[in-house]
C-alpha atoms as a PDB file:
ATOM      1  CA  GLN A   1       0.209   0.115   0.051  1.00  0.00           C
ATOM      2  CA  SER A   2       2.852   2.403   0.958  1.00  0.00           C
ATOM      3  CA  LEU A   3       4.763   1.705  -2.456  1.00  0.00           C
ATOM      4  CA  SER A   4       1.395   2.318  -4.424  1.00  0.00           C
ATOM      5  CA  ASP A   5       0.709   5.416  -2.669  1.00  0.00           C
ATOM      6  CA  PHE A   6       4.253   6.552  -3.100  1.00  0.00           C
ATOM      7  CA  TYR A   7       5.087   5.431  -6.474  1.00  0.00           C
ATOM      8  CA  LEU A   8       1.579   5.565  -8.655  1.00  0.00           C
ATOM      9  CA  ALA A   9      -1.354   7.387  -6.729  1.00  0.00           C
ATOM     10  CA  THR A  10      -3.494   6.991  -3.803  1.00  0.00           C
ATOM     11  CA  THR A  11      -6.531   6.311  -6.051  1.00  0.00           C
ATOM     12  CA  TRP A  12      -4.864   3.278  -7.482  1.00  0.00           C
ATOM     13  CA  THR A  13      -3.804   1.565  -4.363  1.00  0.00           C
ATOM     14  CA  PRO A  14      -7.353   0.032  -3.288  1.00  0.00           C
ATOM     15  CA  ALA A  15      -7.488  -1.634  -6.548  1.00  0.00           C
ATOM     16  CA  LEU A  16      -4.163  -2.809  -6.010  1.00  0.00           C
ATOM     17  CA  VAL A  17      -4.586  -3.867  -2.702  1.00  0.00           C
ATOM     18  CA  TYR A  18      -7.718  -5.960  -3.404  1.00  0.00           C
ATOM     19  CA  GLY A  19      -5.916  -7.265  -6.716  1.00  0.00           C
ATOM     20  CA  LEU A  20      -3.182  -8.471  -4.425  1.00  0.00           C
ATOM     21  CA  LEU A  21      -5.648 -10.368  -2.007  1.00  0.00           C
ATOM     22  CA  ILE A  22      -7.661 -11.894  -4.968  1.00  0.00           C
ATOM     23  CA  VAL A  23      -4.406 -13.314  -6.302  1.00  0.00           C
ATOM     24  CA  LEU A  24      -3.320 -14.928  -2.790  1.00  0.00           C
ATOM     25  CA  LEU A  25      -6.677 -16.438  -2.450  1.00  0.00           C
ATOM     26  CA  VAL A  26      -6.649 -17.926  -6.209  1.00  0.00           C
ATOM     27  CA  LEU A  27      -3.318 -19.637  -5.429  1.00  0.00           C
ATOM     28  CA  ARG A  28      -4.560 -20.589  -2.111  1.00  0.00           C
ATOM     29  CA  PRO A  29      -8.539 -20.935  -2.699  1.00  0.00           C
ATOM     30  CA  SER A  30      -9.034 -22.696   1.097  1.00  0.00           C
ATOM     31  CA  GLY A  31      -6.857 -20.003   2.994  1.00  0.00           C
ATOM     32  CA  LEU A  32      -3.459 -18.992   3.881  1.00  0.00           C
ATOM     33  CA  ALA A  33      -3.164 -20.769   6.974  1.00  0.00           C
ATOM     34  CA  PRO A  34      -0.924 -23.927   7.166  1.00  0.00           C
ATOM     35  CA  GLY A  35      -2.675 -26.930   6.377  1.00  0.00           C
ATOM     36  CA  ALA A  36      -5.811 -25.127   5.350  1.00  0.00           C
ATOM     37  CA  GLY A  37      -5.287 -26.674   1.714  1.00  0.00           C
ATOM     38  CA  GLY A  38      -7.544 -29.088   1.921  1.00  0.00           C
ATOM     39  CA  GLU A  39     -11.579 -29.119   1.447  1.00  0.00           C
ATOM     40  CA  ASP A  40     -13.881 -29.081   4.375  1.00  0.00           C
ATOM     41  CA  SER A  41     -15.852 -31.948   3.771  1.00  0.00           C
ATOM     42  CA  SER A  42     -17.582 -31.692   7.281  1.00  0.00           C
ATOM     43  CA  PRO A  43     -21.398 -31.975   6.943  1.00  0.00           C
ATOM     44  CA  SER A  44     -21.924 -28.628   8.533  1.00  0.00           C
ATOM     45  CA  ALA A  45     -19.870 -26.676   5.744  1.00  0.00           C
ATOM     46  CA  ARG A  46     -21.951 -24.506   3.695  1.00  0.00           C
ATOM     47  CA  ASP A  47     -20.846 -22.071   1.145  1.00  0.00           C
ATOM     48  CA  ALA A  48     -23.542 -19.651   1.734  1.00  0.00           C
ATOM     49  CA  VAL A  49     -26.621 -18.459   3.387  1.00  0.00           C
ATOM     50  CA  THR A  50     -29.330 -20.116   1.372  1.00  0.00           C
ATOM     51  CA  VAL A  51     -33.041 -19.444   0.935  1.00  0.00           C
ATOM     52  CA  LEU A  52     -34.878 -22.473   0.367  1.00  0.00           C
ATOM     53  CA  HIS A  53     -37.568 -23.063  -2.322  1.00  0.00           C
ATOM     54  CA  ARG A  54     -40.725 -24.245  -1.759  1.00  0.00           C
ATOM     55  CA  GLY A  55     -42.777 -24.578  -4.735  1.00  0.00           C
ATOM     56  CA  VAL A  56     -46.430 -23.095  -4.093  1.00  0.00           C
ATOM     57  CA  LYS A  57     -49.201 -24.676  -5.843  1.00  0.00           C
ATOM     58  CA  ARG A  58     -52.376 -23.040  -4.659  1.00  0.00           C
ATOM     59  CA  PRO A  59     -54.156 -21.915  -7.576  1.00  0.00           C
ATOM     60  CA  TRP A  60     -54.816 -18.363  -6.124  1.00  0.00           C
ATOM     61  CA  VAL A  61     -51.291 -17.627  -6.277  1.00  0.00           C
ATOM     62  CA  ARG A  62     -51.130 -17.495  -9.960  1.00  0.00           C
ATOM     63  CA  TRP A  63     -54.272 -15.159  -9.841  1.00  0.00           C
ATOM     64  CA  LEU A  64     -52.406 -12.608  -7.655  1.00  0.00           C
ATOM     65  CA  TRP A  65     -49.549 -12.455  -9.978  1.00  0.00           C
ATOM     66  CA  VAL A  66     -52.210 -11.851 -12.922  1.00  0.00           C
ATOM     67  CA  LEU A  67     -53.729  -9.108 -10.361  1.00  0.00           C
ATOM     68  CA  ALA A  68     -50.531  -7.343 -10.051  1.00  0.00           C
ATOM     69  CA  LEU A  69     -49.669  -7.344 -13.401  1.00  0.00           C
ATOM     70  CA  VAL A  70     -52.877  -6.071 -14.594  1.00  0.00           C
ATOM     71  CA  LEU A  71     -52.544  -3.269 -11.799  1.00  0.00           C
ATOM     72  CA  GLY A  72     -49.270  -2.263 -13.222  1.00  0.00           C
ATOM     73  CA  VAL A  73     -50.583  -2.109 -16.761  1.00  0.00           C
ATOM     74  CA  LEU A  74     -53.503   0.133 -15.340  1.00  0.00           C
ATOM     75  CA  TYR A  75     -51.395   2.337 -13.211  1.00  0.00           C
ATOM     76  CA  PRO A  76     -50.324   4.942 -15.700  1.00  0.00           C
ATOM     77  CA  VAL A  77     -54.019   5.567 -16.629  1.00  0.00           C
ATOM     78  CA  ALA A  78     -54.926   6.021 -12.868  1.00  0.00           C
ATOM     79  CA  GLN A  79     -51.889   7.755 -11.825  1.00  0.00           C
ATOM     80  CA  PRO A  80     -53.027  11.275 -12.469  1.00  0.00           C
ATOM     81  CA  HIS A  81     -56.205  10.514 -10.567  1.00  0.00           C
ATOM     82  CA  LEU A  82     -54.657   8.613  -7.493  1.00  0.00           C
ATOM     83  CA  ASP A  83     -52.045  11.412  -7.078  1.00  0.00           C
ATOM     84  CA  VAL A  84     -49.201   8.862  -5.755  1.00  0.00           C
ATOM     85  CA  ALA A  85     -45.651   8.404  -6.683  1.00  0.00           C
ATOM     86  CA  ARG A  86     -44.357   9.477 -10.285  1.00  0.00           C
ATOM     87  CA  GLN A  87     -43.953   7.257 -12.870  1.00  0.00           C
ATOM     88  CA  SER A  88     -40.328   7.234 -12.909  1.00  0.00           C
ATOM     89  CA  THR A  89     -40.072   6.075  -9.338  1.00  0.00           C
ATOM     90  CA  PHE A  90     -41.714   3.063 -10.092  1.00  0.00           C
ATOM     91  CA  THR A  91     -39.688   2.656 -13.193  1.00  0.00           C
ATOM     92  CA  VAL A  92     -36.514   2.601 -10.939  1.00  0.00           C
ATOM     93  CA  VAL A  93     -38.383   0.153  -8.668  1.00  0.00           C
ATOM     94  CA  MET A  94     -38.862  -2.081 -11.207  1.00  0.00           C
ATOM     95  CA  ILE A  95     -35.364  -1.827 -12.481  1.00  0.00           C
ATOM     96  CA  PHE A  96     -34.375  -3.159  -8.969  1.00  0.00           C
ATOM     97  CA  ILE A  97     -36.954  -5.469  -9.128  1.00  0.00           C
ATOM     98  CA  MET A  98     -34.778  -7.202 -11.883  1.00  0.00           C
ATOM     99  CA  LEU A  99     -31.956  -6.912  -9.707  1.00  0.00           C
ATOM    100  CA  ALA A 100     -33.286  -8.839  -6.970  1.00  0.00           C
ATOM    101  CA  LEU A 101     -34.286 -11.427  -9.270  1.00  0.00           C
ATOM    102  CA  GLY A 102     -30.816 -12.042 -10.252  1.00  0.00           C
ATOM    103  CA  LEU A 103     -29.895 -12.161  -6.944  1.00  0.00           C
ATOM    104  CA  THR A 104     -32.599 -14.659  -6.152  1.00  0.00           C
ATOM    105  CA  VAL A 105     -31.025 -17.219  -8.263  1.00  0.00           C
ATOM    106  CA  LEU A 106     -27.720 -16.546  -7.281  1.00  0.00           C
ATOM    107  CA  LEU A 107     -27.872 -16.642  -3.554  1.00  0.00           C
ATOM    108  CA  GLY A 108     -31.756 -18.059  -3.034  1.00  0.00           C
ATOM    109  CA  PHE A 109     -31.382 -20.893  -5.153  1.00  0.00           C
ATOM    110  CA  ALA A 110     -27.992 -21.777  -5.510  1.00  0.00           C
ATOM    111  CA  GLY A 111     -26.707 -20.809  -2.467  1.00  0.00           C
ATOM    112  CA  LEU A 112     -23.628 -18.639  -3.516  1.00  0.00           C
ATOM    113  CA  LEU A 113     -22.790 -15.765  -1.472  1.00  0.00           C
ATOM    114  CA  ASP A 114     -21.279 -13.158  -4.380  1.00  0.00           C
ATOM    115  CA  LEU A 115     -20.713 -10.194  -2.599  1.00  0.00           C
ATOM    116  CA  GLY A 116     -19.790  -8.312  -5.758  1.00  0.00           C
ATOM    117  CA  TYR A 117     -22.848  -9.161  -7.649  1.00  0.00           C
ATOM    118  CA  ALA A 118     -23.919  -5.565  -7.931  1.00  0.00           C
ATOM    119  CA  ILE A 119     -21.034  -4.745  -9.963  1.00  0.00           C
ATOM    120  CA  SER A 120     -22.247  -6.790 -12.679  1.00  0.00           C
ATOM    121  CA  PHE A 121     -25.584  -4.753 -12.504  1.00  0.00           C
ATOM    122  CA  GLY A 122     -23.520  -1.643 -12.488  1.00  0.00           C
ATOM    123  CA  ILE A 123     -21.251  -2.746 -15.452  1.00  0.00           C
ATOM    124  CA  GLY A 124     -24.365  -3.466 -17.367  1.00  0.00           C
ATOM    125  CA  GLY A 125     -25.793   0.049 -16.643  1.00  0.00           C
ATOM    126  CA  TYR A 126     -22.409   2.074 -17.442  1.00  0.00           C
ATOM    127  CA  THR A 127     -22.397   0.234 -20.963  1.00  0.00           C
ATOM    128  CA  ALA A 128     -26.208   1.000 -21.405  1.00  0.00           C
ATOM    129  CA  ALA A 129     -25.600   4.467 -20.477  1.00  0.00           C
ATOM    130  CA  MET A 130     -22.430   5.128 -22.688  1.00  0.00           C
ATOM    131  CA  LEU A 131     -24.105   3.551 -25.841  1.00  0.00           C
ATOM    132  CA  THR A 132     -27.442   5.967 -25.259  1.00  0.00           C
ATOM    133  CA  ASP A 133     -25.581   8.953 -25.501  1.00  0.00           C
ATOM    134  CA  PRO A 134     -24.861   9.845 -28.852  1.00  0.00           C
ATOM    135  CA  TYR A 135     -22.566  12.547 -27.765  1.00  0.00           C
ATOM    136  CA  GLY A 136     -20.214  10.301 -25.381  1.00  0.00           C
ATOM    137  CA  LYS A 137     -16.916   9.155 -25.901  1.00  0.00           C
ATOM    138  CA  LEU A 138     -17.805   5.623 -26.608  1.00  0.00           C
ATOM    139  CA  HIS A 139     -19.588   6.645 -29.824  1.00  0.00           C
ATOM    140  CA  ALA A 140     -16.804   9.165 -30.898  1.00  0.00           C
ATOM    141  CA  ALA A 141     -14.398   5.838 -30.402  1.00  0.00           C
ATOM    142  CA  LEU A 142     -16.610   3.435 -32.303  1.00  0.00           C
ATOM    143  CA  GLY A 143     -17.546   6.149 -34.958  1.00  0.00           C
ATOM    144  CA  ILE A 144     -21.183   6.001 -34.183  1.00  0.00           C
ATOM    145  CA  THR A 145     -23.238   8.440 -35.255  1.00  0.00           C
ATOM    146  CA  GLY A 146     -26.918   9.222 -34.061  1.00  0.00           C
ATOM    147  CA  GLN A 147     -28.581   7.158 -31.611  1.00  0.00           C
ATOM    148  CA  ILE A 148     -28.190   2.962 -31.179  1.00  0.00           C
ATOM    149  CA  ASP A 149     -31.573   0.988 -30.890  1.00  0.00           C
ATOM    150  CA  PHE A 150     -32.307  -0.089 -27.369  1.00  0.00           C
ATOM    151  CA  VAL A 151     -32.503  -3.570 -28.094  1.00  0.00           C
ATOM    152  CA  PHE A 152     -28.889  -3.820 -29.065  1.00  0.00           C
ATOM    153  CA  ILE A 153     -27.822  -1.730 -26.153  1.00  0.00           C
ATOM    154  CA  LEU A 154     -29.560  -3.962 -23.994  1.00  0.00           C
ATOM    155  CA  LEU A 155     -27.733  -7.044 -25.987  1.00  0.00           C
ATOM    156  CA  ALA A 156     -24.597  -5.035 -25.540  1.00  0.00           C
ATOM    157  CA  ALA A 157     -25.166  -4.552 -21.621  1.00  0.00           C
ATOM    158  CA  ALA A 158     -26.009  -7.561 -20.827  1.00  0.00           C
ATOM    159  CA  ALA A 159     -22.912  -9.302 -22.621  1.00  0.00           C
ATOM    160  CA  ALA A 160     -20.796  -6.826 -20.647  1.00  0.00           C
ATOM    161  CA  ALA A 161     -21.979  -8.135 -17.581  1.00  0.00           C
ATOM    162  CA  GLY A 162     -21.729 -11.400 -18.412  1.00  0.00           C
ATOM    163  CA  VAL A 163     -18.265 -11.193 -19.684  1.00  0.00           C
ATOM    164  CA  PHE A 164     -17.630 -10.075 -16.091  1.00  0.00           C
ATOM    165  CA  GLY A 165     -19.447 -12.785 -14.411  1.00  0.00           C
ATOM    166  CA  LEU A 166     -17.327 -15.042 -16.302  1.00  0.00           C
ATOM    167  CA  LEU A 167     -13.879 -13.559 -15.207  1.00  0.00           C
ATOM    168  CA  ASN A 168     -15.566 -13.471 -11.763  1.00  0.00           C
ATOM    169  CA  ALA A 169     -16.603 -17.349 -11.724  1.00  0.00           C
ATOM    170  CA  VAL A 170     -12.840 -18.167 -13.132  1.00  0.00           C
ATOM    171  CA  LEU A 171     -11.547 -16.659 -10.141  1.00  0.00           C
ATOM    172  CA  THR A 172     -13.744 -18.039  -7.658  1.00  0.00           C
ATOM    173  CA  PHE A 173     -14.034 -21.294  -9.279  1.00  0.00           C
ATOM    174  CA  ARG A 174     -12.404 -23.483  -6.588  1.00  0.00           C
ATOM    175  CA  MET A 175     -13.135 -21.123  -3.634  1.00  0.00           C
ATOM    176  CA  ARG A 176     -15.260 -22.233  -0.621  1.00  0.00           C
ATOM    177  CA  ALA A 177     -16.816 -20.771   2.485  1.00  0.00           C
ATOM    178  CA  ASP A 178     -16.166 -17.326   3.663  1.00  0.00           C
ATOM    179  CA  TYR A 179     -13.117 -17.009   0.697  1.00  0.00           C
ATOM    180  CA  LEU A 180     -15.936 -16.772  -1.913  1.00  0.00           C
ATOM    181  CA  ALA A 181     -17.378 -13.815  -0.121  1.00  0.00           C
ATOM    182  CA  ILE A 182     -14.253 -12.150   0.337  1.00  0.00           C
ATOM    183  CA  VAL A 183     -12.865 -12.451  -3.226  1.00  0.00           C
ATOM    184  CA  THR A 184     -16.168 -11.276  -4.570  1.00  0.00           C
ATOM    185  CA  LEU A 185     -16.149  -8.405  -2.318  1.00  0.00           C
ATOM    186  CA  ALA A 186     -12.492  -7.625  -3.131  1.00  0.00           C
ATOM    187  CA  TYR A 187     -13.596  -7.772  -6.811  1.00  0.00           C
ATOM    188  CA  GLY A 188     -16.466  -5.502  -6.699  1.00  0.00           C
ATOM    189  CA  LEU A 189     -14.555  -2.955  -4.653  1.00  0.00           C
ATOM    190  CA  ILE A 190     -11.695  -3.051  -7.458  1.00  0.00           C
ATOM    191  CA  ILE A 191     -14.167  -2.400 -10.385  1.00  0.00           C
ATOM    192  CA  ARG A 192     -15.812   0.175  -8.233  1.00  0.00           C
ATOM    193  CA  GLN A 193     -12.652   2.056  -7.503  1.00  0.00           C
ATOM    194  CA  LEU A 194     -11.809   1.830 -11.554  1.00  0.00           C
ATOM    195  CA  LEU A 195     -15.024   3.565 -12.243  1.00  0.00           C
ATOM    196  CA  VAL A 196     -14.006   6.526  -9.910  1.00  0.00           C
ATOM    197  CA  ILE A 197     -10.585   6.623 -11.343  1.00  0.00           C
ATOM    198  CA  PHE A 198     -11.525   6.797 -14.870  1.00  0.00           C
ATOM    199  CA  SER A 199     -14.244   9.753 -14.276  1.00  0.00           C
ATOM    200  CA  ASP A 200     -13.352  11.334 -17.679  1.00  0.00           C
ATOM    201  CA  VAL A 201     -15.323   8.153 -19.146  1.00  0.00           C
ATOM    202  CA  THR A 202     -17.683   7.208 -16.379  1.00  0.00           C
ATOM    203  CA  GLY A 203     -18.278  10.385 -14.307  1.00  0.00           C
ATOM    204  CA  GLY A 204     -16.567   9.189 -11.190  1.00  0.00           C
ATOM    205  CA  ASN A 205     -18.771   9.470  -8.320  1.00  0.00           C
ATOM    206  CA  GLN A 206     -21.450  11.641 -10.191  1.00  0.00           C
ATOM    207  CA  GLY A 207     -22.123   9.124 -12.635  1.00  0.00           C
ATOM    208  CA  ILE A 208     -23.189   9.696 -15.913  1.00  0.00           C
ATOM    209  CA  SER A 209     -26.115  12.345 -16.613  1.00  0.00           C
ATOM    210  CA  GLY A 210     -28.120  14.023 -19.169  1.00  0.00           C
ATOM    211  CA  ILE A 211     -28.558  10.841 -21.239  1.00  0.00           C
ATOM    212  CA  PRO A 212     -31.233  11.144 -23.869  1.00  0.00           C
ATOM    213  CA  PRO A 213     -34.415   8.819 -23.867  1.00  0.00           C
ATOM    214  CA  PRO A 214     -33.724   5.209 -25.525  1.00  0.00           C
ATOM    215  CA  VAL A 215     -34.920   4.826 -29.189  1.00  0.00           C
ATOM    216  CA  LEU A 216     -36.745   1.406 -29.431  1.00  0.00           C
ATOM    217  CA  LEU A 217     -37.654   0.081 -33.233  1.00  0.00           C
ATOM    218  CA  GLY A 218     -37.472   3.550 -34.311  1.00  0.00           C
ATOM    219  CA  PHE A 219     -39.451   5.359 -31.861  1.00  0.00           C
ATOM    220  CA  GLN A 220     -37.885   7.681 -29.090  1.00  0.00           C
ATOM    221  CA  LEU A 221     -39.299   7.098 -25.526  1.00  0.00           C
ATOM    222  CA  GLU A 222     -39.650  10.306 -24.586  1.00  0.00           C
ATOM    223  CA  SER A 223     -42.266  10.111 -21.818  1.00  0.00           C
ATOM    224  CA  PRO A 224     -42.407   8.633 -18.305  1.00  0.00           C
ATOM    225  CA  THR A 225     -45.063   6.497 -19.341  1.00  0.00           C
ATOM    226  CA  ALA A 226     -43.126   5.012 -22.443  1.00  0.00           C
ATOM    227  CA  ARG A 227     -40.065   4.268 -20.092  1.00  0.00           C
ATOM    228  CA  TYR A 228     -42.339   2.702 -17.478  1.00  0.00           C
ATOM    229  CA  TYR A 229     -44.153   0.145 -19.922  1.00  0.00           C
ATOM    230  CA  LEU A 230     -40.643  -0.675 -21.094  1.00  0.00           C
ATOM    231  CA  ALA A 231     -39.384  -1.440 -17.650  1.00  0.00           C
ATOM    232  CA  LEU A 232     -42.784  -3.317 -16.903  1.00  0.00           C
ATOM    233  CA  ALA A 233     -42.323  -5.398 -19.859  1.00  0.00           C
ATOM    234  CA  LEU A 234     -38.722  -6.051 -18.837  1.00  0.00           C
ATOM    235  CA  VAL A 235     -39.697  -7.093 -15.540  1.00  0.00           C
ATOM    236  CA  THR A 236     -42.542  -9.465 -16.478  1.00  0.00           C
ATOM    237  CA  LEU A 237     -39.892 -11.075 -18.820  1.00  0.00           C
ATOM    238  CA  THR A 238     -37.346 -11.403 -16.476  1.00  0.00           C
ATOM    239  CA  ALA A 239     -39.743 -12.826 -14.071  1.00  0.00           C
ATOM    240  CA  VAL A 240     -40.986 -15.408 -16.441  1.00  0.00           C
ATOM    241  CA  ALA A 241     -37.092 -16.200 -17.515  1.00  0.00           C
ATOM    242  CA  THR A 242     -36.503 -16.869 -13.676  1.00  0.00           C
ATOM    243  CA  GLN A 243     -39.264 -19.194 -13.201  1.00  0.00           C
ATOM    244  CA  ARG A 244     -38.803 -21.146 -16.187  1.00  0.00           C
ATOM    245  CA  LEU A 245     -35.299 -21.180 -15.380  1.00  0.00           C
ATOM    246  CA  ILE A 246     -35.664 -22.653 -11.640  1.00  0.00           C
ATOM    247  CA  GLN A 247     -38.222 -25.245 -13.076  1.00  0.00           C
ATOM    248  CA  SER A 248     -35.529 -26.548 -15.490  1.00  0.00           C
ATOM    249  CA  ARG A 249     -32.885 -29.072 -15.020  1.00  0.00           C
ATOM    250  CA  ALA A 250     -30.488 -26.682 -14.753  1.00  0.00           C
ATOM    251  CA  GLY A 251     -32.606 -24.888 -11.869  1.00  0.00           C
ATOM    252  CA  ARG A 252     -33.207 -27.955 -10.003  1.00  0.00           C
ATOM    253  CA  ALA A 253     -29.527 -28.725 -10.354  1.00  0.00           C
ATOM    254  CA  PHE A 254     -28.920 -24.703  -8.473  1.00  0.00           C
ATOM    255  CA  VAL A 255     -31.312 -25.874  -5.994  1.00  0.00           C
ATOM    256  CA  ALA A 256     -29.648 -28.612  -5.012  1.00  0.00           C
ATOM    257  CA  MET A 257     -26.302 -27.306  -5.071  1.00  0.00           C
ATOM    258  CA  GLY A 258     -27.563 -24.666  -2.570  1.00  0.00           C
ATOM    259  CA  GLU A 259     -29.180 -27.550  -0.428  1.00  0.00           C
ATOM    260  CA  ASP A 260     -26.014 -29.280  -0.189  1.00  0.00           C
ATOM    261  CA  GLU A 261     -23.122 -29.135  -2.828  1.00  0.00           C
ATOM    262  CA  LEU A 262     -21.319 -32.163  -1.707  1.00  0.00           C
ATOM    263  CA  ALA A 263     -24.824 -34.282  -2.195  1.00  0.00           C
ATOM    264  CA  ALA A 264     -25.540 -32.806  -5.537  1.00  0.00           C
ATOM    265  CA  ALA A 265     -22.158 -33.585  -6.671  1.00  0.00           C
ATOM    266  CA  SER A 266     -22.584 -37.348  -5.836  1.00  0.00           C
ATOM    267  CA  SER A 267     -26.049 -37.269  -7.575  1.00  0.00           C
ATOM    268  CA  GLY A 268     -24.251 -36.654 -10.869  1.00  0.00           C
END
């Protein structure tokens, strides 16, 4: 830390220190203490806190979801008469609902305590913001003029977040227990520090502002109502995809791994 402060810059020090921590734990994924190289095979060993999934078969639950969707569709119509929170507030709420759905799969079903999970969310958000801004540096670097359709922006943001997730998985593949949480937390703090360091691109602590409305299939979503319905559609698709995933073979494997990884591996 002292060498980094002296020879480089204090803004780089946290990223370098956390990077060193990750390297050490990649080399010794079960800890640095003597004799800690073996796997913990005790029955009480768990990778993370797991929220157990219990399938609800009662028919009224499905109708409750249908009612919630109908209320979500009708809300912009009734909002001027109800004098409740603005549509933009609910749009942000729905964005965080999508974040929570992803965390439900990762922690609630697979039982993986990834403390850097929100960084994937941030990387996707920054990618979408920089691609949406037609006057941003990314457009200038790529030689793009005009706005990009939101469908391509959504795919690019998902791909950028996915690349980060893949790199995160490669580094933490052999880690267990608290070390998994430590490395993912350090990894997230590194990315956060880099976003602050490259403030000329990311806006630093202030973020990226002045982003124009997105363009979807040639139509610019200028009104809050249009963006509200876009977020509602994405939340619905994410919820359906999550439900289908958990009911699939891979989803059942996630649940089994979250319950007991050793037993899941023994079952093939």
